[in-house]
Amino acid sequence: MKGKMSLACFSLVIVILFAMGTNFRMHLSTRLADETQESKRIVSFFTKDHAWIIENYGKVLIRESKYILEVEATGKHQYVGGKLAQQVSFCKTIKGDFDEKKLKDTIYVMGSGWIEDATIGKVSTGFVNYMQKGDHYVVFVSRVYDVCNQNASIINANSDLMGFRYLNLTSDKSYAVNTKKATIPYEKVAKSEFIVNDENTLQKIKQFKYGVFEKLHLDYVKEN
């Protein structure tokens, strides 16, 4: 009898801890997804020490992605299970045998590299900003699947890639924040496509971006 009671108590504790963890995660997700809380988010830079990643990286992006799709961002985003989900509408297929007719009414892009940290208000990033409402993006995709019991489809950005899993096709607004710090409040970089802390590295990223679009024979906006 004691053994059964101990097992029951143990199971109850596990349930309570799970519920507490779920509630904390929901609270954290709400804070991070709330646009009024931008000043409380801390994000990391793509630095010159990362610059080697983009050498010949355009070929890898194209080759290693099952699909390459163009989407338009609605501006709505949330964190689900610690990962960023950004709502979009489908525009067209750039690469792959993709059947857009199977997409549900609601579509999210996930796998961008934006992930919640254990500390409230902090996230690790894929060095590319949130998708901005009304802008069109090229997304490098590993798979597309439906959410069970919901009228929604998930476009999973290729998490096997080290970064730059989507790129802005219709806007080219980026700026470098010159600092030696490894992180910065999100509000300081909220209007920049890339999160970078020196001008030379930013120009390398932009040339990489243009090169990818040219390899895909896409029309794109280029900042003068």
Protein backbone atom coordinates (compact mmCIF):
# COMPACT_ATOMS: atom_id res chain seq x y z
CA MET A 1 0.00 0.00 0.00
CA LYS A 2 2.82 2.40 0.94
CA GLY A 3 4.50 1.63 -2.36
CA LYS A 4 1.36 2.50 -4.29
CA MET A 5 0.88 5.71 -2.31
CA SER A 6 4.51 6.73 -2.91
CA LEU A 7 4.12 6.08 -6.63
CA ALA A 8 0.90 8.11 -6.71
CA CYS A 9 2.54 11.01 -4.86
CA PHE A 10 5.53 10.89 -7.19
CA SER A 11 3.23 10.94 -10.23
CA LEU A 12 1.33 13.91 -8.79
CA VAL A 13 4.56 15.84 -8.27
CA ILE A 14 5.59 15.17 -11.89
CA VAL A 15 2.20 16.42 -13.14
CA ILE A 16 2.47 19.58 -11.02
CA LEU A 17 6.02 20.29 -12.18
CA PHE A 18 5.02 19.73 -15.80
CA ALA A 19 2.09 22.13 -15.41
CA MET A 20 4.35 24.74 -13.79
CA GLY A 21 6.85 24.36 -16.59
CA THR A 22 4.12 24.68 -19.21
CA ASN A 23 2.72 27.81 -17.56
CA PHE A 24 6.20 29.34 -17.36
CA ARG A 25 6.83 28.56 -21.02
CA MET A 26 3.49 30.10 -22.01
CA HIS A 27 4.31 33.20 -19.96
CA LEU A 28 7.76 33.43 -21.50
CA SER A 29 6.34 32.93 -25.00
CA THR A 30 3.79 35.68 -24.45
CA ARG A 31 6.45 38.14 -23.30
CA LEU A 32 8.78 37.42 -26.19
CA ALA A 33 6.07 37.56 -28.84
CA ASP A 34 4.59 40.78 -27.47
CA GLU A 35 5.77 43.65 -29.67
CA THR A 36 5.38 46.08 -26.75
CA GLN A 37 8.16 44.18 -24.94
CA GLU A 38 10.88 44.81 -27.56
CA SER A 39 13.12 46.69 -25.14
CA LYS A 40 13.22 43.62 -22.89
CA ARG A 41 14.56 41.27 -25.57
CA ILE A 42 18.30 40.72 -25.90
CA VAL A 43 19.66 39.33 -29.18
CA SER A 44 23.07 38.29 -30.47
CA PHE A 45 25.12 39.62 -33.40
CA PHE A 46 26.47 38.00 -36.53
CA THR A 47 30.10 39.12 -36.08
CA LYS A 48 33.17 39.17 -38.29
CA ASP A 49 34.21 35.91 -36.61
CA HIS A 50 31.18 34.29 -38.29
CA ALA A 51 31.98 35.69 -41.74
CA TRP A 52 33.47 32.40 -42.97
CA ILE A 53 29.94 30.94 -42.91
CA ILE A 54 28.86 32.91 -45.96
CA GLU A 55 31.81 31.94 -48.15
CA ASN A 56 30.24 29.88 -50.96
CA TYR A 57 27.19 29.50 -48.71
CA GLY A 58 24.73 30.45 -51.43
CA LYS A 59 25.34 27.15 -53.23
CA VAL A 60 24.75 25.25 -49.98
CA LEU A 61 21.45 27.07 -49.31
CA ILE A 62 20.13 26.18 -52.72
CA ARG A 63 21.48 22.63 -52.91
CA GLU A 64 20.50 21.50 -49.40
CA SER A 65 16.93 22.84 -49.41
CA LYS A 66 14.17 20.50 -50.55
CA TYR A 67 12.01 23.46 -51.50
CA ILE A 68 12.63 27.15 -51.99
CA LEU A 69 9.45 29.20 -51.62
CA GLU A 70 8.45 32.84 -51.82
CA VAL A 71 6.07 33.99 -49.08
CA GLU A 72 4.59 37.28 -47.87
CA ALA A 73 4.79 38.06 -44.15
CA THR A 74 1.61 39.03 -42.28
CA GLY A 75 3.59 40.47 -39.37
CA LYS A 76 2.07 38.08 -36.82
CA HIS A 77 4.44 35.86 -34.83
CA GLN A 78 4.51 33.79 -31.67
CA TYR A 79 6.75 31.31 -29.86
CA VAL A 80 5.60 27.69 -29.91
CA GLY A 81 7.56 25.21 -27.85
CA GLY A 82 10.35 27.76 -27.57
CA LYS A 83 10.62 28.30 -31.33
CA LEU A 84 9.47 31.26 -33.39
CA ALA A 85 6.44 30.81 -35.66
CA GLN A 86 5.81 33.58 -38.22
CA GLN A 87 2.52 33.73 -40.12
CA VAL A 88 2.78 34.12 -43.89
CA SER A 89 0.84 33.74 -47.11
CA PHE A 90 2.15 31.62 -49.97
CA CYS A 91 3.30 33.40 -53.15
CA LYS A 92 5.11 30.91 -55.40
CA THR A 93 7.48 27.95 -55.66
CA ILE A 94 11.04 28.76 -56.71
CA LYS A 95 12.55 25.27 -56.38
CA GLY A 96 11.12 21.78 -55.85
CA ASP A 97 8.05 19.78 -56.76
CA PHE A 98 5.77 21.51 -54.27
CA ASP A 99 1.97 21.30 -54.31
CA GLU A 100 0.70 24.57 -52.84
CA LYS A 101 -2.91 23.34 -53.13
CA LYS A 102 -2.29 21.18 -50.06
CA LEU A 103 -1.52 24.20 -47.87
CA LYS A 104 -4.07 25.02 -45.18
CA ASP A 105 -5.68 28.43 -44.70
CA THR A 106 -3.19 29.44 -42.01
CA ILE A 107 0.53 29.09 -42.77
CA TYR A 108 3.53 29.53 -40.48
CA VAL A 109 7.27 29.58 -41.11
CA MET A 110 9.26 27.90 -38.32
CA GLY A 111 12.90 26.92 -37.85
CA SER A 112 14.31 30.42 -38.33
CA GLY A 113 16.91 30.15 -35.56
CA TRP A 114 15.00 32.39 -33.11
CA ILE A 115 14.78 30.30 -29.92
CA GLU A 116 13.80 31.25 -26.39
CA ASP A 117 16.52 31.36 -23.76
CA ALA A 118 15.84 30.11 -20.22
CA THR A 119 16.10 33.71 -18.98
CA ILE A 120 12.97 35.81 -19.51
CA GLY A 121 13.35 38.28 -22.34
CA LYS A 122 16.35 36.65 -23.99
CA VAL A 123 16.50 34.78 -27.27
CA SER A 124 19.20 33.32 -29.45
CA THR A 125 18.85 34.31 -33.08
CA GLY A 126 19.55 33.19 -36.62
CA PHE A 127 21.04 36.67 -37.22
CA VAL A 128 18.15 37.57 -39.55
CA ASN A 129 15.35 39.75 -38.17
CA TYR A 130 11.71 38.79 -37.84
CA MET A 131 9.80 38.83 -41.10
CA GLN A 132 8.31 42.29 -41.59
CA LYS A 133 4.64 42.71 -42.48
CA GLY A 134 4.01 43.06 -46.21
CA ASP A 135 7.55 42.11 -47.27
CA HIS A 136 8.23 39.10 -49.46
CA TYR A 137 10.81 36.50 -48.41
CA VAL A 138 12.64 33.62 -50.03
CA VAL A 139 12.49 30.70 -47.58
CA PHE A 140 14.87 27.73 -47.75
CA VAL A 141 12.73 24.77 -46.70
CA SER A 142 13.40 21.26 -45.39
CA ARG A 143 9.77 20.11 -45.22
CA VAL A 144 6.14 21.25 -45.08
CA TYR A 145 3.58 19.57 -42.81
CA ASP A 146 0.13 20.14 -41.31
CA VAL A 147 -0.66 20.69 -37.63
CA CYS A 148 -2.88 17.95 -36.23
CA ASN A 149 -6.44 19.04 -35.44
CA GLN A 150 -5.77 22.57 -36.71
CA ASN A 151 -6.33 24.20 -40.07
CA ALA A 152 -2.67 25.22 -40.33
CA SER A 153 0.43 24.29 -42.30
CA ILE A 154 4.05 24.64 -41.15
CA ILE A 155 6.80 25.61 -43.59
CA ASN A 156 9.90 24.36 -41.80
CA ALA A 157 12.95 26.47 -42.66
CA ASN A 158 15.97 24.24 -43.18
CA SER A 159 17.40 23.82 -39.68
CA ASP A 160 20.37 21.86 -41.06
CA LEU A 161 21.68 25.17 -42.36
CA MET A 162 23.78 27.35 -40.07
CA GLY A 163 21.80 30.54 -40.67
CA PHE A 164 20.10 32.78 -43.23
CA ARG A 165 17.15 30.42 -43.65
CA TYR A 166 15.07 33.19 -45.21
CA LEU A 167 16.02 36.40 -47.02
CA ASN A 168 14.01 39.57 -47.73
CA LEU A 169 13.25 39.86 -51.43
CA THR A 170 11.38 43.18 -51.52
CA SER A 171 13.32 45.26 -48.98
CA ASP A 172 17.04 45.81 -48.37
CA LYS A 173 17.14 47.80 -45.14
CA SER A 174 20.10 46.87 -42.98
CA TYR A 175 22.54 48.75 -40.78
CA ALA A 176 25.49 47.83 -38.59
CA VAL A 177 25.60 48.73 -34.90
CA ASN A 178 29.26 49.45 -34.21
CA THR A 179 29.99 47.83 -30.86
CA LYS A 180 32.26 45.15 -29.43
CA LYS A 181 29.45 43.74 -27.30
CA ALA A 182 28.14 40.27 -28.17
CA THR A 183 24.47 41.15 -27.58
CA ILE A 184 22.14 44.13 -27.87
CA PRO A 185 18.53 45.06 -26.96
CA TYR A 186 16.31 44.06 -29.86
CA GLU A 187 14.83 47.57 -30.19
CA LYS A 188 18.26 48.83 -31.37
CA VAL A 189 18.20 46.54 -34.42
CA ALA A 190 14.44 46.22 -34.98
CA LYS A 191 14.55 47.98 -38.38
CA SER A 192 17.52 46.04 -39.78
CA GLU A 193 17.22 42.82 -41.79
CA PHE A 194 20.53 41.51 -40.46
CA ILE A 195 21.80 41.74 -36.87
CA VAL A 196 25.44 42.67 -37.28
CA ASN A 197 27.99 44.83 -35.46
CA ASP A 198 30.40 46.04 -38.12
CA GLU A 199 29.95 47.58 -41.58
CA ASN A 200 32.42 45.36 -43.42
CA THR A 201 30.64 42.18 -42.31
CA LEU A 202 27.27 43.69 -43.24
CA GLN A 203 28.46 44.37 -46.78
CA LYS A 204 29.69 40.77 -47.09
CA ILE A 205 26.26 39.51 -46.02
CA LYS A 206 24.47 41.76 -48.49
CA GLN A 207 26.67 40.63 -51.37
CA PHE A 208 25.97 37.04 -50.34
CA LYS A 209 22.22 37.80 -50.37
CA TYR A 210 22.35 39.37 -53.84
CA GLY A 211 24.38 36.42 -55.12
CA VAL A 212 21.76 33.94 -53.90
CA PHE A 213 18.96 35.83 -55.63
CA GLU A 214 20.95 36.02 -58.85
CA LYS A 215 21.63 32.28 -58.77
CA LEU A 216 17.88 31.77 -58.49
CA HIS A 217 17.18 34.32 -61.28
CA LEU A 218 14.96 36.45 -59.05
CA ASP A 219 14.11 40.14 -59.29
CA TYR A 220 14.97 41.82 -56.00
CA VAL A 221 15.31 45.20 -54.31
CA LYS A 222 18.89 46.41 -53.86
CA GLU A 223 19.71 49.36 -51.65
CA ASN A 224 21.85 52.03 -53.34
